N, C-alpha and C. Protein backbone atom coordinates (compact mmCIF):
# COMPACT_ATOMS: atom_id res chain seq x y z
N MET A 1 -9.18 -60.25 -15.00
CA MET A 1 -9.56 -60.61 -13.86
C MET A 1 -10.37 -61.57 -14.23
N ASN A 2 -10.09 -62.51 -12.87
CA ASN A 2 -10.83 -63.79 -12.94
C ASN A 2 -12.10 -63.67 -12.19
N ALA A 3 -13.35 -64.63 -12.76
CA ALA A 3 -14.35 -64.86 -11.86
C ALA A 3 -14.21 -65.91 -10.67
N ALA A 4 -15.14 -65.42 -9.90
CA ALA A 4 -15.21 -66.59 -8.70
C ALA A 4 -16.01 -67.28 -9.09
N PRO A 5 -16.07 -68.04 -7.92
CA PRO A 5 -16.98 -69.54 -8.41
C PRO A 5 -18.20 -69.11 -8.49
N ASP A 6 -19.04 -68.11 -8.06
CA ASP A 6 -20.48 -67.64 -8.30
C ASP A 6 -20.44 -66.70 -9.55
N ASN A 7 -19.71 -66.57 -10.36
CA ASN A 7 -19.73 -65.98 -11.15
C ASN A 7 -19.57 -64.46 -10.92
N ARG A 8 -19.40 -64.08 -9.96
CA ARG A 8 -19.12 -62.55 -9.39
C ARG A 8 -17.61 -61.89 -10.03
N PRO A 9 -17.07 -61.01 -10.45
CA PRO A 9 -15.77 -60.83 -10.62
C PRO A 9 -15.29 -60.54 -9.24
N ALA A 10 -13.81 -61.41 -9.68
CA ALA A 10 -12.88 -61.20 -8.44
C ALA A 10 -12.65 -60.26 -7.62
N GLU A 11 -12.10 -59.46 -6.86
CA GLU A 11 -11.61 -58.58 -6.19
C GLU A 11 -10.39 -58.33 -6.52
N PRO A 12 -9.75 -57.06 -6.72
CA PRO A 12 -8.22 -56.73 -6.96
C PRO A 12 -7.39 -56.95 -6.43
N HIS A 13 -6.39 -57.86 -6.62
CA HIS A 13 -5.31 -58.08 -5.58
C HIS A 13 -4.40 -56.67 -5.05
N VAL A 14 -4.54 -56.20 -3.83
CA VAL A 14 -3.82 -55.10 -3.66
C VAL A 14 -2.62 -55.41 -2.52
N GLU A 15 -1.43 -54.95 -3.08
CA GLU A 15 -0.17 -55.27 -2.39
C GLU A 15 -0.27 -53.93 -1.30
N PRO A 16 0.25 -54.59 0.12
CA PRO A 16 0.23 -53.34 0.93
C PRO A 16 1.64 -52.53 0.66
N LEU A 17 0.92 -50.87 1.09
CA LEU A 17 2.23 -50.23 0.87
C LEU A 17 3.09 -50.04 1.77
N GLY A 18 3.38 -50.39 2.58
CA GLY A 18 4.30 -50.70 3.89
C GLY A 18 4.85 -49.35 4.11
N GLU A 19 5.45 -48.96 5.05
CA GLU A 19 6.17 -47.97 5.49
C GLU A 19 6.04 -46.48 4.39
N PRO A 20 5.57 -45.30 4.79
CA PRO A 20 5.86 -44.34 3.56
C PRO A 20 7.88 -43.85 3.45
N PRO A 21 7.94 -43.63 2.45
CA PRO A 21 9.47 -43.41 2.10
C PRO A 21 9.98 -42.63 3.01
N ALA A 22 11.21 -42.35 3.33
CA ALA A 22 11.94 -41.25 4.48
C ALA A 22 12.01 -40.33 3.51
N GLY A 23 11.83 -38.89 4.19
CA GLY A 23 12.19 -37.83 3.45
C GLY A 23 11.52 -36.77 4.53
N PRO A 24 11.27 -35.53 3.98
CA PRO A 24 10.36 -34.61 4.63
C PRO A 24 9.33 -34.97 5.06
N HIS A 25 9.29 -34.44 6.28
CA HIS A 25 7.41 -34.36 6.77
C HIS A 25 6.82 -33.10 5.73
N VAL A 26 5.23 -33.53 4.93
CA VAL A 26 4.87 -32.16 4.62
C VAL A 26 3.46 -32.02 5.35
N GLU A 27 3.49 -31.07 6.21
CA GLU A 27 2.45 -30.62 6.89
C GLU A 27 0.66 -30.52 5.78
N PRO A 28 -0.06 -30.73 6.13
CA PRO A 28 -1.58 -31.05 5.03
C PRO A 28 -1.80 -29.05 5.14
N LEU A 29 -2.26 -29.05 4.29
CA LEU A 29 -2.64 -27.62 3.93
C LEU A 29 -3.50 -26.63 4.78
N ALA A 30 -3.45 -25.75 5.12
CA ALA A 30 -4.60 -24.92 6.13
C ALA A 30 -5.71 -24.75 5.21
N GLU A 31 -6.71 -24.53 6.13
CA GLU A 31 -7.89 -24.83 5.53
C GLU A 31 -8.36 -23.21 4.90
N PRO A 32 -8.83 -22.44 3.81
CA PRO A 32 -8.94 -21.78 3.43
C PRO A 32 -9.51 -20.87 3.99
N PRO A 33 -9.57 -19.00 4.62
CA PRO A 33 -10.37 -18.88 5.06
C PRO A 33 -11.96 -18.63 4.42
N PRO A 34 -12.71 -18.49 5.78
CA PRO A 34 -14.34 -18.49 5.17
C PRO A 34 -14.51 -17.51 4.17
N ALA A 35 -15.65 -17.65 3.04
CA ALA A 35 -15.71 -16.72 2.25
C ALA A 35 -16.94 -15.60 2.81
N GLY A 36 -17.09 -14.67 2.36
CA GLY A 36 -17.76 -13.69 2.98
C GLY A 36 -16.80 -12.52 3.29
N PRO A 37 -17.08 -11.42 3.78
CA PRO A 37 -17.03 -9.84 4.26
C PRO A 37 -15.55 -10.26 5.47
N HIS A 38 -14.61 -10.02 5.22
CA HIS A 38 -13.53 -10.34 6.16
C HIS A 38 -13.29 -9.15 6.70
N VAL A 39 -13.48 -8.88 8.31
CA VAL A 39 -13.38 -8.26 9.29
C VAL A 39 -11.93 -7.73 10.19
N GLU A 40 -11.54 -7.12 9.51
CA GLU A 40 -10.17 -6.59 10.57
C GLU A 40 -10.53 -6.63 12.27
N PRO A 41 -9.50 -7.26 12.82
CA PRO A 41 -9.71 -7.18 14.26
C PRO A 41 -9.40 -5.93 14.52
N PRO A 42 -10.28 -5.29 15.91
CA PRO A 42 -10.16 -4.00 16.30
C PRO A 42 -8.41 -3.84 16.79
N GLY A 43 -8.42 -2.30 16.41
CA GLY A 43 -7.08 -1.76 16.50
C GLY A 43 -6.13 -1.89 15.22
N SER A 44 -6.31 -2.97 14.46
CA SER A 44 -5.78 -3.19 12.99
C SER A 44 -5.28 -2.08 12.48
N ARG A 45 -3.76 -2.14 12.50
CA ARG A 45 -3.30 -1.15 11.72
C ARG A 45 -3.13 -1.39 9.96
N ARG A 46 -3.85 -2.22 9.64
CA ARG A 46 -3.83 -2.63 8.20
C ARG A 46 -5.02 -1.86 7.83
N LYS A 47 -5.02 -1.10 6.68
CA LYS A 47 -6.31 -0.22 6.30
C LYS A 47 -6.26 -0.94 4.53
N ARG A 48 -7.74 -1.22 4.33
CA ARG A 48 -7.83 -1.50 3.26
C ARG A 48 -8.24 -0.30 2.14
N LEU A 49 -8.26 -0.52 0.93
CA LEU A 49 -8.27 0.24 -0.15
C LEU A 49 -10.19 0.33 -0.27
N ASP A 50 -10.52 1.53 -0.24
CA ASP A 50 -11.43 1.90 -0.62
C ASP A 50 -11.90 2.13 -1.96
N LEU A 51 -12.61 1.54 -2.77
CA LEU A 51 -12.79 1.72 -4.08
C LEU A 51 -14.40 2.06 -4.37
N GLU A 52 -14.94 2.68 -3.57
CA GLU A 52 -16.06 3.37 -3.65
C GLU A 52 -16.26 4.36 -5.02
N PRO A 53 -17.05 4.08 -5.84
CA PRO A 53 -17.08 5.23 -7.09
C PRO A 53 -17.04 6.38 -6.61
N ASP A 54 -17.97 6.82 -5.91
CA ASP A 54 -17.72 8.40 -5.20
C ASP A 54 -16.95 9.11 -4.86
N THR A 55 -15.38 7.80 -4.68
CA THR A 55 -14.81 8.73 -3.64
C THR A 55 -13.23 8.25 -4.33
N VAL A 56 -13.37 7.52 -5.51
CA VAL A 56 -12.55 7.62 -6.24
C VAL A 56 -11.62 8.83 -7.06
N GLU A 57 -12.17 10.01 -6.90
CA GLU A 57 -11.71 10.99 -7.47
C GLU A 57 -10.74 11.76 -6.74
N ARG A 58 -11.69 11.92 -5.47
CA ARG A 58 -11.34 12.08 -4.07
C ARG A 58 -9.52 11.68 -3.75
N ASP A 59 -9.77 10.38 -3.52
CA ASP A 59 -8.44 9.45 -3.18
C ASP A 59 -7.60 9.93 -4.44
N LEU A 60 -7.66 9.71 -5.42
CA LEU A 60 -6.71 10.11 -6.25
C LEU A 60 -5.96 11.14 -6.38
N VAL A 61 -6.86 12.26 -6.23
CA VAL A 61 -6.62 13.27 -5.76
C VAL A 61 -5.58 13.48 -4.63
N LYS A 62 -6.06 13.05 -3.56
CA LYS A 62 -5.03 12.52 -2.46
C LYS A 62 -3.75 12.15 -2.69
N LEU A 63 -3.69 11.14 -3.40
CA LEU A 63 -2.29 10.68 -4.07
C LEU A 63 -1.57 11.14 -4.20
N VAL A 64 -1.95 12.07 -5.22
CA VAL A 64 -1.22 12.97 -6.53
C VAL A 64 -0.83 14.23 -5.40
N LEU A 65 -1.84 15.09 -4.87
CA LEU A 65 -1.63 15.85 -4.04
C LEU A 65 -0.20 15.62 -2.55
N THR A 66 -0.44 14.67 -2.36
CA THR A 66 0.50 14.15 -1.82
C THR A 66 1.97 13.99 -2.04
N VAL A 67 2.11 13.22 -3.49
CA VAL A 67 2.83 13.32 -4.07
C VAL A 67 3.59 14.94 -4.09
N VAL A 68 2.74 15.50 -4.69
CA VAL A 68 3.17 17.14 -5.01
C VAL A 68 3.53 17.27 -3.90
N GLU A 69 3.17 17.30 -3.02
CA GLU A 69 3.56 18.12 -1.51
C GLU A 69 4.61 17.39 -0.76
N LEU A 70 5.32 16.19 -1.30
CA LEU A 70 6.58 15.47 -1.16
C LEU A 70 7.24 16.55 -1.67
N LEU A 71 7.24 16.84 -3.03
CA LEU A 71 8.04 17.33 -4.18
C LEU A 71 8.42 19.15 -3.55
N ARG A 72 7.18 19.45 -3.17
CA ARG A 72 7.07 20.72 -2.95
C ARG A 72 8.04 21.15 -1.44
N GLN A 73 8.23 20.00 -0.78
CA GLN A 73 9.01 20.44 0.37
C GLN A 73 10.17 19.85 0.11
N LEU A 74 10.68 19.19 -0.40
CA LEU A 74 12.18 18.72 -1.12
C LEU A 74 12.68 19.92 -1.93
N MET A 75 12.34 20.91 -2.67
CA MET A 75 12.21 21.70 -3.42
C MET A 75 12.44 22.68 -2.85
N GLU A 76 11.96 22.68 -1.53
CA GLU A 76 12.07 24.20 -0.53
C GLU A 76 13.07 24.07 0.40
N ARG A 77 13.70 22.94 0.71
CA ARG A 77 14.41 23.09 1.49
C ARG A 77 16.00 22.92 0.59
N GLN A 78 15.70 22.36 -0.51
CA GLN A 78 16.97 22.68 -1.46
C GLN A 78 17.19 23.87 -1.82
N ALA A 79 16.23 24.60 -2.06
CA ALA A 79 16.35 26.18 -1.89
C ALA A 79 16.70 26.98 -1.28
N VAL A 80 16.28 26.68 0.15
CA VAL A 80 17.16 27.20 1.50
C VAL A 80 18.29 26.59 1.68
N ARG A 81 19.12 25.47 1.36
CA ARG A 81 20.42 25.38 1.30
C ARG A 81 21.29 26.11 0.30
N ARG A 82 20.35 26.81 -0.72
CA ARG A 82 21.19 27.05 -2.08
C ARG A 82 21.06 28.70 -1.46
N PHE A 83 19.98 29.01 -0.61
CA PHE A 83 20.35 30.67 0.04
C PHE A 83 21.05 30.94 0.91
N ASP A 84 20.98 29.55 2.19
CA ASP A 84 22.15 29.76 2.99
C ASP A 84 23.77 29.65 2.31
N GLU A 85 24.11 28.74 1.22
CA GLU A 85 25.05 28.79 0.80
C GLU A 85 25.79 29.80 -0.26
N GLY A 86 24.43 30.71 -0.67
CA GLY A 86 24.68 31.51 -1.44
C GLY A 86 24.68 31.80 -3.07
N GLY A 87 24.49 30.63 -3.25
CA GLY A 87 24.67 29.98 -4.44
C GLY A 87 23.76 30.47 -5.76
N LEU A 88 22.88 31.31 -5.21
CA LEU A 88 21.89 31.97 -5.91
C LEU A 88 22.00 33.64 -5.76
N THR A 89 21.59 34.17 -7.41
CA THR A 89 21.68 35.70 -7.29
C THR A 89 20.17 36.12 -6.66
N GLU A 90 20.31 37.62 -6.54
CA GLU A 90 18.91 37.75 -5.67
C GLU A 90 17.64 37.86 -6.43
N GLU A 91 18.10 37.88 -7.87
CA GLU A 91 16.79 37.38 -8.63
C GLU A 91 16.24 36.24 -8.63
N GLN A 92 17.25 35.30 -8.83
CA GLN A 92 16.96 33.93 -8.54
C GLN A 92 16.17 33.65 -7.16
N GLU A 93 16.71 34.11 -5.93
CA GLU A 93 16.13 33.89 -4.79
C GLU A 93 14.83 34.25 -4.89
N GLU A 94 14.74 35.21 -5.58
CA GLU A 94 13.09 36.13 -5.14
C GLU A 94 12.32 35.06 -6.54
N ARG A 95 12.40 34.58 -7.51
CA ARG A 95 12.07 33.66 -8.33
C ARG A 95 11.30 32.59 -7.77
N VAL A 96 12.43 32.17 -7.26
CA VAL A 96 12.27 30.31 -6.49
C VAL A 96 11.37 30.63 -5.44
N GLY A 97 11.66 31.71 -4.39
CA GLY A 97 10.26 31.95 -3.10
C GLY A 97 9.01 32.30 -3.85
N LEU A 98 8.81 33.12 -4.77
CA LEU A 98 7.51 33.36 -5.39
C LEU A 98 7.10 31.67 -5.89
N THR A 99 7.73 31.33 -6.68
CA THR A 99 7.21 29.96 -7.43
C THR A 99 6.97 28.93 -6.24
N LEU A 100 7.43 28.56 -5.23
CA LEU A 100 7.32 28.28 -3.95
C LEU A 100 6.05 28.75 -3.20
N MET A 101 5.69 29.91 -3.20
CA MET A 101 4.70 30.72 -2.73
C MET A 101 3.24 30.28 -3.57
N LEU A 102 3.54 30.47 -4.45
CA LEU A 102 2.47 29.94 -5.21
C LEU A 102 1.95 28.40 -5.50
N LEU A 103 3.15 27.83 -5.51
CA LEU A 103 2.56 26.29 -5.20
C LEU A 103 1.82 26.04 -4.40
N GLU A 104 2.43 26.65 -2.94
CA GLU A 104 1.78 26.46 -1.69
C GLU A 104 0.27 26.86 -1.61
N ASP A 105 0.08 28.01 -2.68
CA ASP A 105 -1.27 28.46 -2.00
C ASP A 105 -1.81 27.50 -3.07
N ARG A 106 -1.94 27.15 -4.53
CA ARG A 106 -2.11 26.32 -5.25
C ARG A 106 -2.73 24.81 -4.80
N MET A 107 -1.68 24.44 -3.72
CA MET A 107 -2.22 23.14 -2.68
C MET A 107 -2.86 23.34 -1.94
N ALA A 108 -3.38 24.64 -1.28
CA ALA A 108 -4.17 25.03 -0.43
C ALA A 108 -5.38 25.15 -1.10
N GLU A 109 -5.64 25.67 -2.42
CA GLU A 109 -6.60 25.77 -2.99
C GLU A 109 -7.47 24.18 -3.52
N LEU A 110 -6.75 23.47 -3.77
CA LEU A 110 -7.06 22.17 -4.45
C LEU A 110 -7.26 21.52 -3.27
N ARG A 111 -6.66 21.68 -1.87
CA ARG A 111 -7.11 20.63 -0.70
C ARG A 111 -8.20 21.16 -0.03
N ASN A 112 -8.67 22.65 -0.34
CA ASN A 112 -10.03 22.92 0.36
C ASN A 112 -10.85 22.26 -0.77
N ARG A 113 -10.66 22.57 -2.29
CA ARG A 113 -11.55 21.77 -3.23
C ARG A 113 -12.26 20.41 -2.74
N TYR A 114 -10.97 19.68 -2.43
CA TYR A 114 -11.72 18.33 -2.38
C TYR A 114 -11.70 17.94 -0.83
N GLY A 115 -11.91 18.96 0.10
CA GLY A 115 -12.10 18.87 1.52
C GLY A 115 -10.69 18.04 2.38
N LEU A 116 -9.80 18.43 1.81
CA LEU A 116 -8.61 17.49 2.72
C LEU A 116 -8.03 18.89 3.62
N ARG A 117 -7.38 18.12 4.86
CA ARG A 117 -6.26 18.91 5.34
C ARG A 117 -4.84 18.59 5.10
N PRO A 118 -4.09 19.81 5.74
CA PRO A 118 -2.51 18.95 5.07
C PRO A 118 -1.97 17.72 5.77
N GLU A 119 -2.51 17.29 7.10
CA GLU A 119 -2.24 16.06 7.63
C GLU A 119 -3.09 14.75 6.81
N ASP A 120 -3.96 15.02 6.19
CA ASP A 120 -4.46 13.75 5.20
C ASP A 120 -3.63 13.67 4.21
N LEU A 121 -2.52 14.43 3.82
CA LEU A 121 -1.45 13.75 3.21
C LEU A 121 -0.35 13.41 3.45
N ASN A 122 -0.15 13.22 4.63
CA ASN A 122 0.78 12.44 5.06
C ASN A 122 0.62 11.07 5.62
N LEU A 123 1.19 9.95 4.61
CA LEU A 123 0.86 8.85 4.70
C LEU A 123 1.38 8.28 5.83
N ASP A 124 1.00 7.32 6.45
CA ASP A 124 1.73 6.73 7.56
C ASP A 124 2.25 5.27 6.83
N LEU A 125 3.39 5.51 7.26
CA LEU A 125 4.37 4.52 6.54
C LEU A 125 4.84 3.15 7.71
N GLY A 126 4.08 3.11 8.66
CA GLY A 126 4.37 2.23 9.50
C GLY A 126 5.49 1.99 10.56
N PRO A 127 6.12 1.28 10.43
CA PRO A 127 7.43 1.19 11.65
C PRO A 127 8.44 2.39 10.87
N LEU A 128 7.89 2.95 9.70
CA LEU A 128 9.03 3.70 9.03
C LEU A 128 8.55 5.33 9.69
N GLY A 129 7.31 5.40 10.17
CA GLY A 129 6.71 6.88 10.42
C GLY A 129 5.90 7.48 9.64
N PRO A 130 6.04 8.54 9.75
CA PRO A 130 5.18 9.47 8.41
C PRO A 130 6.02 9.79 7.41
N LEU A 131 5.32 9.69 6.13
CA LEU A 131 6.17 10.23 4.93
C LEU A 131 6.82 11.72 5.03
N LEU A 132 5.84 12.63 5.39
CA LEU A 132 6.13 14.15 5.52
C LEU A 132 6.78 14.00 7.12
N PRO A 133 7.62 15.16 6.94
CA PRO A 133 7.88 15.42 8.50
C PRO A 133 6.72 16.59 9.00
N ARG A 134 6.72 16.52 10.61
CA ARG A 134 5.37 17.38 10.62
C ARG A 134 6.14 18.76 10.95
N GLU A 135 5.37 19.57 11.01
CA GLU A 135 5.48 20.89 10.65
C GLU A 135 5.55 21.59 11.97
């Protein structure tokens, strides 16, 4: 760096950049959302996971019972199909029927213990509709 006549350092020489190189245009990044609690607009179908310590057990039971109810309904349909086809002996039909009834009773007990209704176990899958068929 050379010194100017009054002993000040000379300003560095900078070449002009000219035109930007040709290529895809890049848009600037959008600003991040403001910090703090996010409020969903009214009527929004999106639901947030509630992680309150006092509801975690109930929510977990609700999820497990939903899966068990789905499996119970599938087993019931399979049993009815096999009954209709005549693929089971009378003893097997009785055993399957009794097992399904006991499972349904136990499900009702667990729903009552946790204050859940049968419709609480039916998840809304958005455009696909409800998880469980409405009975």
